[in-house]
Amino acid sequence: MALFGILSSIPVLVDRYPRWTALAATRRLAGEINRIKRDAGITHQAYRIRFETGGSVAYGVERLENCGQPSGEVIRRGSLIDDARSREYALLSAELGARWNIPGLVEQFCYDPLNGGENARIGQAAVGFGVMPVNDLADRPDRIALYSFALGRWIKP
């Protein structure tokens, strides 16, 4: 009986593993964005996380004077998923997000400790990142893992 239970759970695990990996990637991204905000507050400089082109889950973090600068000094690089499996996952583009009714997807995020998020400055209320398995980009939107957050300035009452 126990053997039947173990064997019957394998298809479920195989089906859900890609989603769990994508969720772990967005959890790492949330940690990196929190680190960017903390570093910005400590150093009083803007920081930007920018993902590599082509939907890659590899990123670089830049230190800038302000979010208006086109680029800055890259202080660290990383990937949301380990190198062995990073080609199996992609960062969702804004176009694909619009097709699936997911507004506000971005491929970079800049945070200035004085002005808040760059996207709030240009009038975008909320932004987010989406990660999903490359093999599922066409037909499995249920495997998308999203990290979405509202941005803005600190407003005194």
Protein backbone atom coordinates (compact mmCIF):
# COMPACT_ATOMS: atom_id res chain seq x y z
CA MET A 1 0.00 0.00 0.00
CA ALA A 2 2.80 2.43 0.86
CA LEU A 3 4.54 1.59 -2.42
CA PHE A 4 1.36 2.50 -4.33
CA GLY A 5 1.23 5.86 -2.53
CA ILE A 6 4.85 6.62 -3.38
CA LEU A 7 4.53 5.60 -7.01
CA SER A 8 1.28 7.52 -7.53
CA SER A 9 2.85 10.74 -6.21
CA ILE A 10 5.70 10.75 -8.76
CA PRO A 11 3.64 12.22 -11.65
CA VAL A 12 2.39 15.01 -9.38
CA LEU A 13 5.93 15.85 -8.27
CA VAL A 14 7.20 15.84 -11.85
CA ASP A 15 4.36 18.14 -12.93
CA ARG A 16 4.79 20.64 -10.07
CA TYR A 17 8.59 20.74 -9.79
CA PRO A 18 9.02 23.46 -12.49
CA ARG A 19 6.56 25.73 -10.69
CA TRP A 20 8.30 25.18 -7.37
CA THR A 21 11.64 26.07 -8.94
CA ALA A 22 10.14 29.26 -10.43
CA LEU A 23 8.71 30.18 -7.02
CA ALA A 24 12.14 29.68 -5.43
CA ALA A 25 13.59 32.01 -8.09
CA THR A 26 11.10 34.77 -7.26
CA ARG A 27 11.90 34.32 -3.57
CA ARG A 28 15.59 34.91 -4.39
CA LEU A 29 14.57 37.97 -6.42
CA ALA A 30 12.59 39.35 -3.48
CA GLY A 31 15.67 38.97 -1.30
CA GLU A 32 17.84 40.77 -3.87
CA ILE A 33 15.37 43.66 -4.17
CA ASN A 34 15.27 44.00 -0.39
CA ARG A 35 19.07 44.05 -0.39
CA ILE A 36 19.04 46.78 -3.06
CA LYS A 37 16.68 48.91 -0.98
CA ARG A 38 18.75 48.40 2.16
CA ASP A 39 22.01 49.24 0.36
CA ALA A 40 20.41 52.34 -1.16
CA GLY A 41 19.34 53.52 2.27
CA ILE A 42 22.78 52.94 3.77
CA THR A 43 24.86 54.48 0.97
CA HIS A 44 22.35 57.16 -0.12
CA GLN A 45 22.79 56.12 -3.76
CA ALA A 46 20.46 54.57 -6.30
CA TYR A 47 20.73 50.89 -7.22
CA ARG A 48 19.36 49.10 -10.29
CA ILE A 49 18.84 45.41 -10.92
CA ARG A 50 18.93 44.69 -14.63
CA PHE A 51 18.35 41.31 -16.23
CA GLU A 52 20.35 40.20 -19.23
CA THR A 53 18.67 40.31 -22.62
CA GLY A 54 16.67 37.48 -24.10
CA GLY A 55 14.66 36.64 -21.00
CA SER A 56 17.68 35.39 -19.06
CA VAL A 57 17.38 34.91 -15.30
CA ALA A 58 20.95 36.22 -14.89
CA TYR A 59 21.21 39.77 -13.58
CA GLY A 60 23.58 42.53 -12.61
CA VAL A 61 23.20 45.11 -9.85
CA GLU A 62 24.46 48.61 -10.60
CA ARG A 63 25.22 51.51 -8.26
CA LEU A 64 24.19 54.92 -9.68
CA GLU A 65 23.98 58.54 -8.63
CA ASN A 66 20.27 58.56 -9.54
CA CYS A 67 17.82 56.42 -11.51
CA GLY A 68 18.00 58.77 -14.50
CA GLN A 69 21.45 57.49 -15.42
CA PRO A 70 21.46 54.95 -18.27
CA SER A 71 24.04 52.72 -16.57
CA GLY A 72 26.31 52.57 -13.57
CA GLU A 73 29.04 50.61 -11.88
CA VAL A 74 28.15 46.90 -11.75
CA ILE A 75 28.77 45.83 -8.16
CA ARG A 76 27.56 42.22 -8.35
CA ARG A 77 26.16 39.65 -10.72
CA GLY A 78 23.99 36.66 -10.04
CA SER A 79 21.30 34.35 -11.30
CA LEU A 80 17.90 33.51 -9.87
CA ILE A 81 18.46 29.84 -10.71
CA ASP A 82 21.71 27.89 -10.52
CA ASP A 83 23.79 27.81 -13.71
CA ALA A 84 23.02 24.19 -14.55
CA ARG A 85 19.29 24.90 -14.95
CA SER A 86 19.24 28.63 -15.73
CA ARG A 87 18.58 28.07 -19.46
CA GLU A 88 15.43 26.11 -18.59
CA TYR A 89 13.75 29.22 -17.13
CA ALA A 90 13.01 32.67 -18.50
CA LEU A 91 12.09 36.09 -17.22
CA LEU A 92 8.71 37.01 -18.71
CA SER A 93 8.63 40.00 -21.02
CA ALA A 94 6.07 42.79 -20.77
CA GLU A 95 4.62 41.69 -24.13
CA LEU A 96 3.99 38.13 -22.95
CA GLY A 97 2.56 39.47 -19.70
CA ALA A 98 0.14 41.67 -21.63
CA ARG A 99 -0.95 38.68 -23.69
CA TRP A 100 -1.79 36.80 -20.47
CA ASN A 101 -3.34 39.88 -18.78
CA ILE A 102 -0.45 40.39 -16.35
CA PRO A 103 0.23 44.15 -16.39
CA GLY A 104 3.37 45.85 -15.13
CA LEU A 105 6.05 43.24 -15.89
CA VAL A 106 9.51 44.80 -16.14
CA GLU A 107 13.05 43.62 -16.87
CA GLN A 108 14.81 46.11 -14.61
CA PHE A 109 14.12 47.98 -11.40
CA CYS A 110 15.86 51.04 -10.01
CA TYR A 111 15.49 52.26 -6.45
CA ASP A 112 16.56 55.69 -5.26
CA PRO A 113 16.41 56.22 -1.48
CA LEU A 114 15.13 59.78 -1.90
CA ASN A 115 12.54 59.24 -4.63
CA GLY A 116 11.54 55.60 -4.26
CA GLY A 117 11.21 53.29 -7.23
CA GLU A 118 11.87 54.60 -10.72
CA ASN A 119 8.60 53.17 -12.00
CA ALA A 120 6.56 55.15 -9.46
CA ARG A 121 8.26 58.32 -10.72
CA ILE A 122 7.04 57.66 -14.26
CA GLY A 123 3.50 56.88 -13.12
CA GLN A 124 3.43 53.09 -13.01
CA ALA A 125 1.68 52.13 -9.78
CA ALA A 126 2.90 48.55 -9.49
CA VAL A 127 5.58 46.55 -11.19
CA GLY A 128 6.64 42.97 -11.08
CA PHE A 129 8.80 40.22 -12.45
CA GLY A 130 7.63 36.87 -13.75
CA VAL A 131 9.63 33.65 -14.05
CA MET A 132 8.53 30.44 -15.74
CA PRO A 133 9.93 27.35 -17.45
CA VAL A 134 10.98 27.98 -21.06
CA ASN A 135 9.21 24.84 -22.29
CA ASP A 136 5.90 26.17 -20.92
CA LEU A 137 5.95 29.69 -22.38
CA ALA A 138 3.27 28.86 -24.94
CA ASP A 139 0.74 26.79 -23.08
CA ARG A 140 1.19 26.61 -19.29
CA PRO A 141 0.55 30.01 -17.68
CA ASP A 142 -0.31 28.16 -14.46
CA ARG A 143 3.44 27.65 -13.91
CA ILE A 144 4.25 31.37 -13.82
CA ALA A 145 5.77 32.59 -10.58
CA LEU A 146 5.25 36.33 -10.03
CA TYR A 147 6.91 38.83 -7.75
CA SER A 148 4.86 42.01 -7.81
CA PHE A 149 5.12 45.06 -5.61
CA ALA A 150 3.73 48.56 -5.35
CA LEU A 151 6.15 51.44 -5.47
CA GLY A 152 6.03 54.96 -4.30
CA ARG A 153 7.44 57.69 -2.21
CA TRP A 154 7.04 58.10 1.49
CA ILE A 155 4.16 60.53 1.90
CA LYS A 156 3.74 62.50 5.11
CA PRO A 157 0.12 62.63 6.35
